[in-house]
N, C-alpha and C. Protein backbone atom coordinates (compact mmCIF):
# COMPACT_ATOMS: atom_id res chain seq x y z
N MET A 1 -8.12 -17.64 -13.91
CA MET A 1 -7.03 -16.74 -13.50
C MET A 1 -6.02 -17.52 -12.66
N LYS A 2 -4.76 -17.39 -13.04
CA LYS A 2 -3.70 -18.12 -12.36
C LYS A 2 -2.92 -17.14 -11.50
N LEU A 3 -3.00 -17.30 -10.17
CA LEU A 3 -2.38 -16.37 -9.25
C LEU A 3 -0.95 -16.73 -8.89
N TYR A 4 -0.63 -18.02 -8.87
CA TYR A 4 0.68 -18.45 -8.42
C TYR A 4 1.30 -19.42 -9.43
N SER A 5 2.61 -19.46 -9.41
CA SER A 5 3.36 -20.31 -10.32
C SER A 5 3.21 -21.77 -9.95
N ASP A 6 3.30 -22.64 -10.98
CA ASP A 6 3.33 -24.08 -10.74
C ASP A 6 4.72 -24.54 -10.29
N VAL A 7 5.72 -23.74 -10.57
CA VAL A 7 7.10 -24.08 -10.21
C VAL A 7 7.27 -23.82 -8.71
N THR A 8 7.71 -24.84 -7.97
CA THR A 8 7.73 -24.78 -6.51
C THR A 8 8.54 -23.60 -5.99
N THR A 9 9.75 -23.43 -6.49
CA THR A 9 10.60 -22.37 -5.97
C THR A 9 10.02 -20.98 -6.25
N ARG A 10 9.47 -20.83 -7.45
CA ARG A 10 8.91 -19.52 -7.79
C ARG A 10 7.63 -19.26 -7.00
N ARG A 11 6.83 -20.30 -6.81
CA ARG A 11 5.62 -20.13 -6.01
C ARG A 11 5.97 -19.75 -4.58
N ALA A 12 6.99 -20.39 -4.02
CA ALA A 12 7.42 -20.05 -2.66
C ALA A 12 7.89 -18.60 -2.59
N ALA A 13 8.61 -18.16 -3.62
CA ALA A 13 9.07 -16.77 -3.64
C ALA A 13 7.88 -15.81 -3.74
N GLN A 14 6.86 -16.18 -4.52
CA GLN A 14 5.69 -15.32 -4.65
C GLN A 14 4.93 -15.22 -3.32
N VAL A 15 4.77 -16.36 -2.65
CA VAL A 15 4.08 -16.34 -1.35
C VAL A 15 4.88 -15.52 -0.34
N ALA A 16 6.20 -15.70 -0.34
CA ALA A 16 7.04 -14.92 0.58
C ALA A 16 6.93 -13.42 0.28
N ALA A 17 6.87 -13.07 -1.02
CA ALA A 17 6.72 -11.66 -1.39
C ALA A 17 5.37 -11.12 -0.92
N ASP A 18 4.31 -11.91 -1.08
CA ASP A 18 2.99 -11.47 -0.62
C ASP A 18 2.99 -11.22 0.89
N VAL A 19 3.57 -12.16 1.64
CA VAL A 19 3.63 -12.00 3.10
C VAL A 19 4.49 -10.79 3.45
N GLY A 20 5.60 -10.64 2.74
CA GLY A 20 6.48 -9.50 3.01
C GLY A 20 5.79 -8.17 2.77
N VAL A 21 4.98 -8.09 1.71
CA VAL A 21 4.26 -6.84 1.43
C VAL A 21 3.25 -6.54 2.54
N VAL A 22 2.55 -7.58 3.00
CA VAL A 22 1.59 -7.37 4.09
C VAL A 22 2.30 -6.88 5.34
N VAL A 23 3.42 -7.51 5.69
CA VAL A 23 4.18 -7.08 6.87
C VAL A 23 4.67 -5.65 6.70
N TRP A 24 5.16 -5.34 5.51
CA TRP A 24 5.64 -3.97 5.22
C TRP A 24 4.53 -2.95 5.42
N VAL A 25 3.34 -3.25 4.89
CA VAL A 25 2.21 -2.31 5.03
C VAL A 25 1.84 -2.15 6.50
N VAL A 26 1.75 -3.26 7.23
CA VAL A 26 1.38 -3.19 8.65
C VAL A 26 2.39 -2.36 9.43
N LEU A 27 3.68 -2.59 9.18
CA LEU A 27 4.71 -1.85 9.92
C LEU A 27 4.62 -0.35 9.67
N TRP A 28 4.46 0.04 8.41
CA TRP A 28 4.42 1.47 8.11
C TRP A 28 3.12 2.12 8.58
N VAL A 29 2.02 1.37 8.53
CA VAL A 29 0.76 1.92 9.05
C VAL A 29 0.87 2.12 10.56
N ARG A 30 1.45 1.15 11.26
CA ARG A 30 1.64 1.30 12.71
C ARG A 30 2.57 2.47 13.03
N LEU A 31 3.62 2.63 12.21
CA LEU A 31 4.53 3.76 12.43
C LEU A 31 3.81 5.08 12.21
N GLY A 32 2.99 5.15 11.15
CA GLY A 32 2.22 6.36 10.89
C GLY A 32 1.25 6.68 12.03
N LEU A 33 0.59 5.64 12.57
CA LEU A 33 -0.34 5.85 13.69
C LEU A 33 0.41 6.30 14.94
N TRP A 34 1.59 5.70 15.17
CA TRP A 34 2.38 6.09 16.34
C TRP A 34 2.82 7.55 16.23
N LEU A 35 3.29 7.93 15.04
CA LEU A 35 3.72 9.31 14.84
C LEU A 35 2.55 10.27 14.99
N HIS A 36 1.38 9.86 14.54
CA HIS A 36 0.18 10.69 14.69
C HIS A 36 -0.13 10.90 16.17
N GLU A 37 -0.05 9.83 16.95
CA GLU A 37 -0.35 9.94 18.38
C GLU A 37 0.69 10.80 19.10
N VAL A 38 1.97 10.62 18.74
CA VAL A 38 3.01 11.43 19.37
C VAL A 38 2.83 12.91 19.05
N THR A 39 2.50 13.21 17.80
CA THR A 39 2.32 14.61 17.41
C THR A 39 1.10 15.22 18.11
N LEU A 40 0.06 14.41 18.31
CA LEU A 40 -1.14 14.94 18.97
C LEU A 40 -0.86 15.39 20.40
N ARG A 41 0.18 14.82 21.01
CA ARG A 41 0.51 15.24 22.38
C ARG A 41 0.91 16.72 22.43
N LEU A 42 1.40 17.22 21.30
CA LEU A 42 1.76 18.64 21.25
C LEU A 42 0.54 19.55 21.32
N ALA A 43 -0.65 18.97 21.12
CA ALA A 43 -1.88 19.77 21.20
C ALA A 43 -2.35 19.96 22.62
N GLU A 44 -1.73 19.28 23.59
CA GLU A 44 -2.19 19.37 24.98
C GLU A 44 -2.14 20.80 25.52
N PRO A 45 -1.06 21.58 25.27
CA PRO A 45 -1.09 22.99 25.74
C PRO A 45 -2.27 23.78 25.17
N GLY A 46 -2.62 23.50 23.93
CA GLY A 46 -3.77 24.17 23.34
C GLY A 46 -5.06 23.81 24.06
N HIS A 47 -5.22 22.53 24.41
CA HIS A 47 -6.43 22.13 25.14
C HIS A 47 -6.46 22.79 26.53
N ARG A 48 -5.30 22.83 27.20
CA ARG A 48 -5.27 23.45 28.53
C ARG A 48 -5.58 24.94 28.44
N LEU A 49 -5.04 25.61 27.39
CA LEU A 49 -5.33 27.03 27.22
C LEU A 49 -6.81 27.25 26.96
N ALA A 50 -7.40 26.39 26.13
CA ALA A 50 -8.83 26.52 25.84
C ALA A 50 -9.67 26.30 27.11
N ASP A 51 -9.29 25.31 27.91
CA ASP A 51 -10.04 25.05 29.15
C ASP A 51 -9.89 26.21 30.13
N ALA A 52 -8.63 26.73 30.22
CA ALA A 52 -8.42 27.86 31.13
C ALA A 52 -9.21 29.09 30.67
N GLY A 53 -9.20 29.34 29.37
CA GLY A 53 -9.95 30.47 28.86
C GLY A 53 -11.44 30.33 29.10
N ALA A 54 -11.96 29.12 28.92
CA ALA A 54 -13.39 28.89 29.15
C ALA A 54 -13.73 29.07 30.63
N GLY A 55 -12.86 28.57 31.51
CA GLY A 55 -13.11 28.74 32.94
C GLY A 55 -13.06 30.20 33.37
N PHE A 56 -12.08 30.92 32.85
CA PHE A 56 -11.97 32.34 33.19
C PHE A 56 -13.18 33.11 32.67
N ARG A 57 -13.59 32.79 31.45
CA ARG A 57 -14.76 33.48 30.89
C ARG A 57 -16.01 33.22 31.73
N ASP A 58 -16.22 31.98 32.13
CA ASP A 58 -17.41 31.66 32.91
C ASP A 58 -17.38 32.34 34.28
N THR A 59 -16.17 32.38 34.88
CA THR A 59 -16.06 33.01 36.19
C THR A 59 -16.37 34.51 36.11
N MET A 60 -15.78 35.15 35.11
CA MET A 60 -16.02 36.58 34.95
C MET A 60 -17.48 36.87 34.58
N THR A 61 -18.06 35.99 33.80
CA THR A 61 -19.47 36.20 33.43
C THR A 61 -20.37 36.08 34.64
N ARG A 62 -20.11 35.08 35.48
CA ARG A 62 -20.93 34.94 36.69
C ARG A 62 -20.73 36.12 37.63
N ALA A 63 -19.47 36.59 37.74
CA ALA A 63 -19.23 37.74 38.61
C ALA A 63 -19.96 38.98 38.10
N GLY A 64 -19.91 39.19 36.78
CA GLY A 64 -20.62 40.33 36.22
C GLY A 64 -22.11 40.22 36.40
N ASP A 65 -22.65 39.00 36.25
CA ASP A 65 -24.09 38.82 36.43
C ASP A 65 -24.51 39.08 37.87
N SER A 66 -23.64 38.68 38.81
CA SER A 66 -24.01 38.88 40.22
C SER A 66 -23.99 40.35 40.62
N LEU A 67 -23.16 41.18 39.94
CA LEU A 67 -23.08 42.60 40.26
C LEU A 67 -24.03 43.45 39.45
N GLU A 68 -24.60 42.84 38.43
CA GLU A 68 -25.49 43.60 37.55
C GLU A 68 -26.74 44.03 38.30
N GLY A 69 -27.13 45.26 38.13
CA GLY A 69 -28.37 45.77 38.72
C GLY A 69 -28.28 46.20 40.16
N LEU A 70 -27.03 46.27 40.70
CA LEU A 70 -26.92 46.77 42.07
C LEU A 70 -27.37 48.23 42.15
N PRO A 71 -28.00 48.61 43.21
CA PRO A 71 -28.48 50.01 43.33
C PRO A 71 -27.35 51.02 43.24
N LEU A 72 -27.59 52.08 42.57
CA LEU A 72 -26.71 53.25 42.46
C LEU A 72 -25.49 53.03 41.56
N LEU A 73 -25.13 51.78 41.20
CA LEU A 73 -23.91 51.54 40.42
C LEU A 73 -24.15 51.56 38.91
N GLN A 74 -25.38 51.30 38.53
CA GLN A 74 -25.78 51.36 37.11
C GLN A 74 -24.83 50.53 36.20
N ASP A 75 -24.56 49.35 36.63
CA ASP A 75 -23.77 48.37 35.85
C ASP A 75 -22.32 48.79 35.63
N ARG A 76 -21.85 49.87 36.31
CA ARG A 76 -20.47 50.28 36.09
C ARG A 76 -19.48 49.28 36.69
N VAL A 77 -19.87 48.57 37.70
CA VAL A 77 -19.00 47.56 38.30
C VAL A 77 -18.99 46.29 37.45
N ALA A 78 -20.12 45.96 36.85
CA ALA A 78 -20.22 44.72 36.08
C ALA A 78 -19.49 44.80 34.75
N ALA A 79 -19.34 45.99 34.20
CA ALA A 79 -18.75 46.13 32.87
C ALA A 79 -17.32 45.59 32.79
N PRO A 80 -16.43 45.89 33.73
CA PRO A 80 -15.07 45.33 33.63
C PRO A 80 -15.05 43.80 33.65
N PHE A 81 -15.96 43.21 34.42
CA PHE A 81 -16.02 41.75 34.47
C PHE A 81 -16.45 41.17 33.12
N ARG A 82 -17.37 41.86 32.49
CA ARG A 82 -17.82 41.38 31.18
C ARG A 82 -16.69 41.53 30.15
N SER A 83 -15.92 42.58 30.24
CA SER A 83 -14.77 42.74 29.33
C SER A 83 -13.74 41.64 29.57
N ALA A 84 -13.50 41.31 30.84
CA ALA A 84 -12.57 40.22 31.16
C ALA A 84 -13.11 38.89 30.64
N ALA A 85 -14.41 38.71 30.67
CA ALA A 85 -15.01 37.48 30.14
C ALA A 85 -14.74 37.35 28.64
N ASP A 86 -14.77 38.49 27.93
CA ASP A 86 -14.46 38.45 26.50
C ASP A 86 -13.02 38.02 26.26
N ILE A 87 -12.10 38.47 27.13
CA ILE A 87 -10.70 38.05 27.00
C ILE A 87 -10.60 36.53 27.21
N GLY A 88 -11.34 36.02 28.19
CA GLY A 88 -11.35 34.57 28.40
C GLY A 88 -11.86 33.83 27.17
N GLY A 89 -12.86 34.37 26.49
CA GLY A 89 -13.34 33.74 25.26
C GLY A 89 -12.28 33.73 24.17
N ASP A 90 -11.52 34.85 24.09
CA ASP A 90 -10.44 34.90 23.11
C ASP A 90 -9.37 33.85 23.40
N LEU A 91 -9.05 33.69 24.70
CA LEU A 91 -8.07 32.68 25.08
C LEU A 91 -8.58 31.26 24.74
N GLN A 92 -9.85 31.05 24.97
CA GLN A 92 -10.43 29.75 24.64
C GLN A 92 -10.35 29.47 23.14
N GLN A 93 -10.66 30.47 22.34
CA GLN A 93 -10.60 30.29 20.89
C GLN A 93 -9.18 30.06 20.41
N ALA A 94 -8.22 30.80 21.00
CA ALA A 94 -6.82 30.62 20.62
C ALA A 94 -6.34 29.21 20.95
N GLY A 95 -6.71 28.70 22.11
CA GLY A 95 -6.32 27.33 22.48
C GLY A 95 -6.95 26.31 21.56
N ALA A 96 -8.22 26.50 21.21
CA ALA A 96 -8.89 25.56 20.30
C ALA A 96 -8.24 25.59 18.92
N ASP A 97 -7.89 26.79 18.44
CA ASP A 97 -7.23 26.90 17.13
C ASP A 97 -5.87 26.20 17.15
N LEU A 98 -5.13 26.37 18.25
CA LEU A 98 -3.83 25.71 18.36
C LEU A 98 -3.98 24.19 18.34
N ALA A 99 -4.94 23.67 19.09
CA ALA A 99 -5.16 22.22 19.13
C ALA A 99 -5.60 21.70 17.76
N ASP A 100 -6.47 22.45 17.08
CA ASP A 100 -6.92 22.02 15.75
C ASP A 100 -5.75 22.00 14.76
N GLY A 101 -4.90 23.01 14.83
CA GLY A 101 -3.75 23.06 13.93
C GLY A 101 -2.81 21.89 14.15
N VAL A 102 -2.54 21.57 15.40
CA VAL A 102 -1.68 20.42 15.71
C VAL A 102 -2.33 19.13 15.24
N GLY A 103 -3.64 19.02 15.38
CA GLY A 103 -4.34 17.82 14.91
C GLY A 103 -4.21 17.64 13.41
N ARG A 104 -4.33 18.73 12.66
CA ARG A 104 -4.18 18.63 11.21
C ARG A 104 -2.76 18.24 10.82
N VAL A 105 -1.78 18.83 11.52
CA VAL A 105 -0.38 18.46 11.25
C VAL A 105 -0.15 16.99 11.58
N ALA A 106 -0.72 16.50 12.67
CA ALA A 106 -0.55 15.10 13.06
C ALA A 106 -1.12 14.16 12.00
N VAL A 107 -2.30 14.48 11.49
CA VAL A 107 -2.90 13.65 10.44
C VAL A 107 -2.04 13.65 9.18
N LEU A 108 -1.61 14.84 8.76
CA LEU A 108 -0.79 14.96 7.56
C LEU A 108 0.54 14.23 7.72
N LEU A 109 1.16 14.38 8.87
CA LEU A 109 2.45 13.73 9.10
C LEU A 109 2.31 12.21 9.14
N GLY A 110 1.26 11.72 9.80
CA GLY A 110 1.04 10.28 9.85
C GLY A 110 0.76 9.69 8.48
N LEU A 111 -0.10 10.37 7.71
CA LEU A 111 -0.41 9.87 6.37
C LEU A 111 0.80 9.90 5.45
N THR A 112 1.55 10.99 5.50
CA THR A 112 2.73 11.10 4.63
C THR A 112 3.76 10.04 4.97
N THR A 113 3.99 9.82 6.25
CA THR A 113 4.98 8.84 6.68
C THR A 113 4.60 7.44 6.21
N ALA A 114 3.33 7.09 6.32
CA ALA A 114 2.91 5.73 5.95
C ALA A 114 2.66 5.58 4.46
N ALA A 115 2.11 6.62 3.83
CA ALA A 115 1.66 6.47 2.45
C ALA A 115 2.80 6.30 1.46
N ALA A 116 3.87 7.06 1.61
CA ALA A 116 4.94 7.03 0.61
C ALA A 116 5.57 5.64 0.47
N PRO A 117 6.07 5.02 1.53
CA PRO A 117 6.65 3.68 1.37
C PRO A 117 5.62 2.62 1.03
N VAL A 118 4.41 2.75 1.56
CA VAL A 118 3.38 1.74 1.26
C VAL A 118 3.00 1.79 -0.21
N LEU A 119 2.75 2.99 -0.74
CA LEU A 119 2.35 3.11 -2.15
C LEU A 119 3.47 2.64 -3.08
N LEU A 120 4.72 2.95 -2.74
CA LEU A 120 5.83 2.55 -3.57
C LEU A 120 5.95 1.04 -3.67
N VAL A 121 5.94 0.37 -2.53
CA VAL A 121 6.12 -1.09 -2.52
C VAL A 121 4.87 -1.79 -3.04
N VAL A 122 3.70 -1.37 -2.58
CA VAL A 122 2.46 -2.03 -3.02
C VAL A 122 2.24 -1.81 -4.51
N GLY A 123 2.56 -0.61 -5.01
CA GLY A 123 2.40 -0.35 -6.45
C GLY A 123 3.31 -1.24 -7.28
N THR A 124 4.57 -1.38 -6.86
CA THR A 124 5.50 -2.27 -7.57
C THR A 124 5.03 -3.71 -7.50
N TRP A 125 4.60 -4.13 -6.31
CA TRP A 125 4.13 -5.51 -6.13
C TRP A 125 2.90 -5.79 -7.00
N LEU A 126 1.95 -4.87 -7.01
CA LEU A 126 0.75 -5.07 -7.82
C LEU A 126 1.08 -5.16 -9.31
N LEU A 127 2.01 -4.32 -9.77
CA LEU A 127 2.41 -4.35 -11.17
C LEU A 127 3.02 -5.70 -11.54
N LEU A 128 3.94 -6.19 -10.72
CA LEU A 128 4.59 -7.46 -11.00
C LEU A 128 3.59 -8.62 -10.93
N ARG A 129 2.70 -8.58 -9.93
CA ARG A 129 1.72 -9.67 -9.80
C ARG A 129 0.74 -9.64 -10.98
N TRP A 130 0.33 -8.44 -11.39
CA TRP A 130 -0.61 -8.33 -12.51
C TRP A 130 0.02 -8.84 -13.79
N ARG A 131 1.30 -8.50 -14.01
CA ARG A 131 1.98 -8.99 -15.21
C ARG A 131 2.10 -10.50 -15.19
N PHE A 132 2.41 -11.07 -14.02
CA PHE A 132 2.52 -12.53 -13.95
C PHE A 132 1.16 -13.18 -14.19
N VAL A 133 0.12 -12.69 -13.51
CA VAL A 133 -1.22 -13.29 -13.64
C VAL A 133 -1.69 -13.22 -15.09
N ARG A 134 -1.49 -12.08 -15.74
CA ARG A 134 -1.92 -11.94 -17.13
C ARG A 134 -1.17 -12.91 -18.04
N ARG A 135 0.15 -12.99 -17.86
CA ARG A 135 0.96 -13.85 -18.72
C ARG A 135 0.67 -15.33 -18.45
N ALA A 136 0.63 -15.71 -17.16
CA ALA A 136 0.41 -17.12 -16.82
C ALA A 136 -1.00 -17.57 -17.21
N SER A 137 -1.99 -16.71 -17.01
CA SER A 137 -3.37 -17.09 -17.36
C SER A 137 -3.51 -17.28 -18.87
N ALA A 138 -2.90 -16.39 -19.65
CA ALA A 138 -2.97 -16.53 -21.10
C ALA A 138 -2.24 -17.78 -21.57
N ALA A 139 -1.05 -18.04 -21.02
CA ALA A 139 -0.29 -19.23 -21.42
C ALA A 139 -1.01 -20.51 -21.01
N ALA A 140 -1.66 -20.51 -19.85
CA ALA A 140 -2.36 -21.71 -19.39
C ALA A 140 -3.48 -22.10 -20.33
N ARG A 141 -4.11 -21.11 -20.95
CA ARG A 141 -5.19 -21.44 -21.90
C ARG A 141 -4.64 -22.20 -23.10
N PHE A 142 -3.45 -21.83 -23.56
CA PHE A 142 -2.86 -22.54 -24.70
C PHE A 142 -2.45 -23.95 -24.31
N VAL A 143 -1.89 -24.11 -23.13
CA VAL A 143 -1.47 -25.44 -22.69
C VAL A 143 -2.68 -26.35 -22.51
N ASP A 144 -3.73 -25.81 -21.91
CA ASP A 144 -4.92 -26.62 -21.69
C ASP A 144 -5.61 -26.98 -23.00
N ALA A 145 -5.55 -26.07 -23.96
CA ALA A 145 -6.28 -26.30 -25.20
C ALA A 145 -5.54 -27.22 -26.15
N ASP A 146 -4.23 -27.23 -26.12
CA ASP A 146 -3.48 -27.99 -27.10
C ASP A 146 -2.17 -28.44 -26.48
N PRO A 147 -1.94 -29.76 -26.31
CA PRO A 147 -0.70 -30.24 -25.70
C PRO A 147 0.51 -30.06 -26.59
N ASP A 148 0.30 -29.64 -27.81
CA ASP A 148 1.43 -29.39 -28.69
C ASP A 148 2.22 -28.20 -28.18
N LEU A 149 3.51 -28.39 -27.96
CA LEU A 149 4.35 -27.37 -27.34
C LEU A 149 5.13 -26.54 -28.35
N ASP A 150 4.81 -26.65 -29.62
CA ASP A 150 5.57 -25.94 -30.64
C ASP A 150 5.56 -24.42 -30.40
N LEU A 151 4.41 -23.90 -30.01
CA LEU A 151 4.31 -22.45 -29.82
C LEU A 151 5.29 -21.97 -28.75
N PHE A 152 5.34 -22.69 -27.63
CA PHE A 152 6.22 -22.27 -26.54
C PHE A 152 7.69 -22.50 -26.90
N ALA A 153 7.96 -23.54 -27.69
CA ALA A 153 9.34 -23.74 -28.15
C ALA A 153 9.76 -22.58 -29.05
N LEU A 154 8.86 -22.13 -29.91
CA LEU A 154 9.17 -21.01 -30.79
C LEU A 154 9.40 -19.73 -29.99
N ARG A 155 8.58 -19.52 -28.98
CA ARG A 155 8.75 -18.34 -28.13
C ARG A 155 10.06 -18.43 -27.35
N ALA A 156 10.43 -19.62 -26.94
CA ALA A 156 11.69 -19.78 -26.22
C ALA A 156 12.87 -19.37 -27.10
N MET A 157 12.85 -19.76 -28.36
CA MET A 157 13.94 -19.39 -29.26
C MET A 157 14.00 -17.88 -29.47
N ALA A 158 12.86 -17.20 -29.34
CA ALA A 158 12.83 -15.76 -29.52
C ALA A 158 13.18 -15.01 -28.24
N ASN A 159 12.89 -15.61 -27.07
CA ASN A 159 13.00 -14.87 -25.81
C ASN A 159 14.15 -15.31 -24.91
N GLN A 160 14.53 -16.58 -24.96
CA GLN A 160 15.49 -17.10 -24.00
C GLN A 160 16.92 -16.72 -24.39
N PRO A 161 17.81 -16.59 -23.39
CA PRO A 161 19.21 -16.29 -23.69
C PRO A 161 19.86 -17.40 -24.52
N MET A 162 20.83 -17.02 -25.32
CA MET A 162 21.48 -17.97 -26.23
C MET A 162 22.14 -19.12 -25.48
N GLU A 163 22.74 -18.83 -24.31
CA GLU A 163 23.43 -19.90 -23.61
C GLU A 163 22.47 -20.98 -23.12
N ARG A 164 21.24 -20.59 -22.78
CA ARG A 164 20.25 -21.60 -22.39
C ARG A 164 19.85 -22.46 -23.58
N LEU A 165 19.66 -21.81 -24.71
CA LEU A 165 19.30 -22.57 -25.91
C LEU A 165 20.42 -23.52 -26.30
N ALA A 166 21.66 -23.07 -26.17
CA ALA A 166 22.80 -23.92 -26.56
C ALA A 166 22.92 -25.14 -25.68
N ARG A 167 22.49 -25.05 -24.42
CA ARG A 167 22.55 -26.21 -23.55
C ARG A 167 21.55 -27.28 -23.95
N ILE A 168 20.51 -26.90 -24.69
CA ILE A 168 19.50 -27.87 -25.13
C ILE A 168 19.89 -28.51 -26.45
N SER A 169 20.36 -27.69 -27.39
CA SER A 169 20.72 -28.22 -28.71
C SER A 169 21.69 -27.24 -29.38
N PRO A 170 22.68 -27.77 -30.13
CA PRO A 170 23.55 -26.87 -30.88
C PRO A 170 22.83 -26.19 -32.04
N ASP A 171 21.67 -26.74 -32.41
CA ASP A 171 20.89 -26.16 -33.50
C ASP A 171 19.41 -26.21 -33.14
N PRO A 172 18.98 -25.38 -32.17
CA PRO A 172 17.59 -25.47 -31.73
C PRO A 172 16.58 -25.14 -32.81
N ALA A 173 16.89 -24.15 -33.65
CA ALA A 173 15.95 -23.80 -34.72
C ALA A 173 15.79 -24.94 -35.71
N GLY A 174 16.91 -25.57 -36.08
CA GLY A 174 16.83 -26.71 -37.00
C GLY A 174 16.08 -27.87 -36.38
N ALA A 175 16.33 -28.12 -35.08
CA ALA A 175 15.61 -29.21 -34.41
C ALA A 175 14.12 -28.92 -34.37
N TRP A 176 13.77 -27.64 -34.15
CA TRP A 176 12.34 -27.28 -34.12
C TRP A 176 11.71 -27.49 -35.50
N ARG A 177 12.43 -27.10 -36.58
CA ARG A 177 11.89 -27.29 -37.93
C ARG A 177 11.76 -28.77 -38.28
N ARG A 178 12.69 -29.58 -37.77
CA ARG A 178 12.63 -31.02 -38.06
C ARG A 178 11.63 -31.75 -37.16
N GLY A 179 11.08 -31.04 -36.19
CA GLY A 179 10.08 -31.65 -35.32
C GLY A 179 10.67 -32.63 -34.32
N GLU A 180 11.89 -32.40 -33.86
CA GLU A 180 12.50 -33.28 -32.86
C GLU A 180 11.82 -33.01 -31.52
N ARG A 181 10.99 -33.95 -31.11
CA ARG A 181 10.09 -33.71 -29.98
C ARG A 181 10.82 -33.48 -28.66
N ASP A 182 11.93 -34.19 -28.43
CA ASP A 182 12.66 -33.98 -27.18
C ASP A 182 13.19 -32.56 -27.09
N VAL A 183 13.75 -32.07 -28.20
CA VAL A 183 14.27 -30.71 -28.21
C VAL A 183 13.13 -29.70 -28.11
N VAL A 184 12.04 -29.95 -28.85
CA VAL A 184 10.88 -29.05 -28.80
C VAL A 184 10.35 -28.96 -27.38
N ARG A 185 10.27 -30.11 -26.73
CA ARG A 185 9.74 -30.11 -25.35
C ARG A 185 10.69 -29.37 -24.41
N ALA A 186 11.98 -29.59 -24.55
CA ALA A 186 12.94 -28.92 -23.68
C ALA A 186 12.89 -27.41 -23.88
N LEU A 187 12.76 -26.98 -25.13
CA LEU A 187 12.63 -25.55 -25.39
C LEU A 187 11.34 -24.99 -24.78
N ALA A 188 10.26 -25.74 -24.94
CA ALA A 188 8.98 -25.29 -24.41
C ALA A 188 9.01 -25.19 -22.90
N VAL A 189 9.70 -26.12 -22.25
CA VAL A 189 9.79 -26.09 -20.78
C VAL A 189 10.45 -24.80 -20.31
N LEU A 190 11.48 -24.35 -21.03
CA LEU A 190 12.11 -23.09 -20.67
C LEU A 190 11.11 -21.94 -20.65
N GLU A 191 10.31 -21.84 -21.69
CA GLU A 191 9.36 -20.73 -21.78
C GLU A 191 8.22 -20.90 -20.78
N LEU A 192 7.76 -22.14 -20.60
CA LEU A 192 6.68 -22.37 -19.64
C LEU A 192 7.10 -22.00 -18.23
N ARG A 193 8.33 -22.30 -17.88
CA ARG A 193 8.81 -21.94 -16.54
C ARG A 193 8.83 -20.42 -16.37
N GLU A 194 9.17 -19.70 -17.42
CA GLU A 194 9.13 -18.24 -17.35
C GLU A 194 7.70 -17.75 -17.11
N CYS A 195 6.74 -18.50 -17.61
CA CYS A 195 5.32 -18.15 -17.43
C CYS A 195 4.76 -18.69 -16.12
N GLY A 196 5.57 -19.47 -15.39
CA GLY A 196 5.10 -20.05 -14.14
C GLY A 196 4.25 -21.28 -14.32
N LEU A 197 4.45 -22.02 -15.40
CA LEU A 197 3.63 -23.19 -15.71
C LEU A 197 4.49 -24.44 -15.82
N ARG A 198 3.86 -25.56 -15.56
CA ARG A 198 4.49 -26.84 -15.80
C ARG A 198 4.07 -27.34 -17.18
N PRO A 199 4.93 -28.09 -17.86
CA PRO A 199 4.53 -28.65 -19.15
C PRO A 199 3.52 -29.77 -18.95
N PRO A 200 2.72 -30.07 -19.95
CA PRO A 200 1.79 -31.20 -19.85
C PRO A 200 2.58 -32.49 -19.73
N PRO A 201 1.95 -33.57 -19.24
CA PRO A 201 2.65 -34.84 -19.12
C PRO A 201 3.25 -35.28 -20.45
N GLN A 202 4.32 -36.02 -20.37
CA GLN A 202 5.02 -36.45 -21.57
C GLN A 202 4.11 -37.22 -22.52
N ALA A 203 3.21 -37.98 -21.93
CA ALA A 203 2.33 -38.79 -22.76
C ALA A 203 1.34 -37.94 -23.55
N ALA A 204 1.12 -36.70 -23.08
CA ALA A 204 0.16 -35.85 -23.76
C ALA A 204 0.72 -35.19 -24.99
N VAL A 205 2.03 -35.28 -25.20
CA VAL A 205 2.65 -34.66 -26.37
C VAL A 205 2.35 -35.48 -27.59
N SER A 206 1.89 -34.84 -28.64
CA SER A 206 1.54 -35.57 -29.85
C SER A 206 2.78 -36.18 -30.45
N PRO A 207 2.74 -37.45 -30.87
CA PRO A 207 3.90 -38.07 -31.50
C PRO A 207 4.14 -37.44 -32.86
N PRO A 208 5.39 -37.49 -33.33
CA PRO A 208 5.68 -36.91 -34.64
C PRO A 208 4.93 -37.62 -35.73
N ALA A 209 4.56 -36.90 -36.76
CA ALA A 209 3.80 -37.50 -37.88
C ALA A 209 4.68 -38.46 -38.66
């Protein structure tokens, strides 16, 4: 598997792109975490309400327990305290629900903020890198297996812009059919560079028959 181009400038661009993607992901993840933390601060009133409700409930419960069973009162004094304790429980539950709701919003907001730009850039980067690795790895097998560059010269005539072909030869197809090795090699170099590969050494090219 070939991960990076043999061409220096293209390899440098690929490494820079890889580093840029990592920096991009880190920045957006940090932004998402920061936004999550900022949003969670909005849950503080809910926590305070829950704590206040719990404290009020406990106070009223203890007061009711202390008055329970007093002679002649038959729990009539304790009943209002117990009712007030129930109100404290309701306040505690309301505060907890508020804090939980803010927590869910904070998680959703943090994930949404970070996920959208990260998935967009990383998805594009992965697609481009996968296409390069697949193409370069397949082309490298042909170069390693056979130093004859005819295949890549033929692909160059099919894929490369006309002005590039004209700079190599006024008749690249005729030169390829005649087996002109300098022209064949120059055409092959064009296609190999597109694949991120270097051509084999000049000495490895088979001489014309």
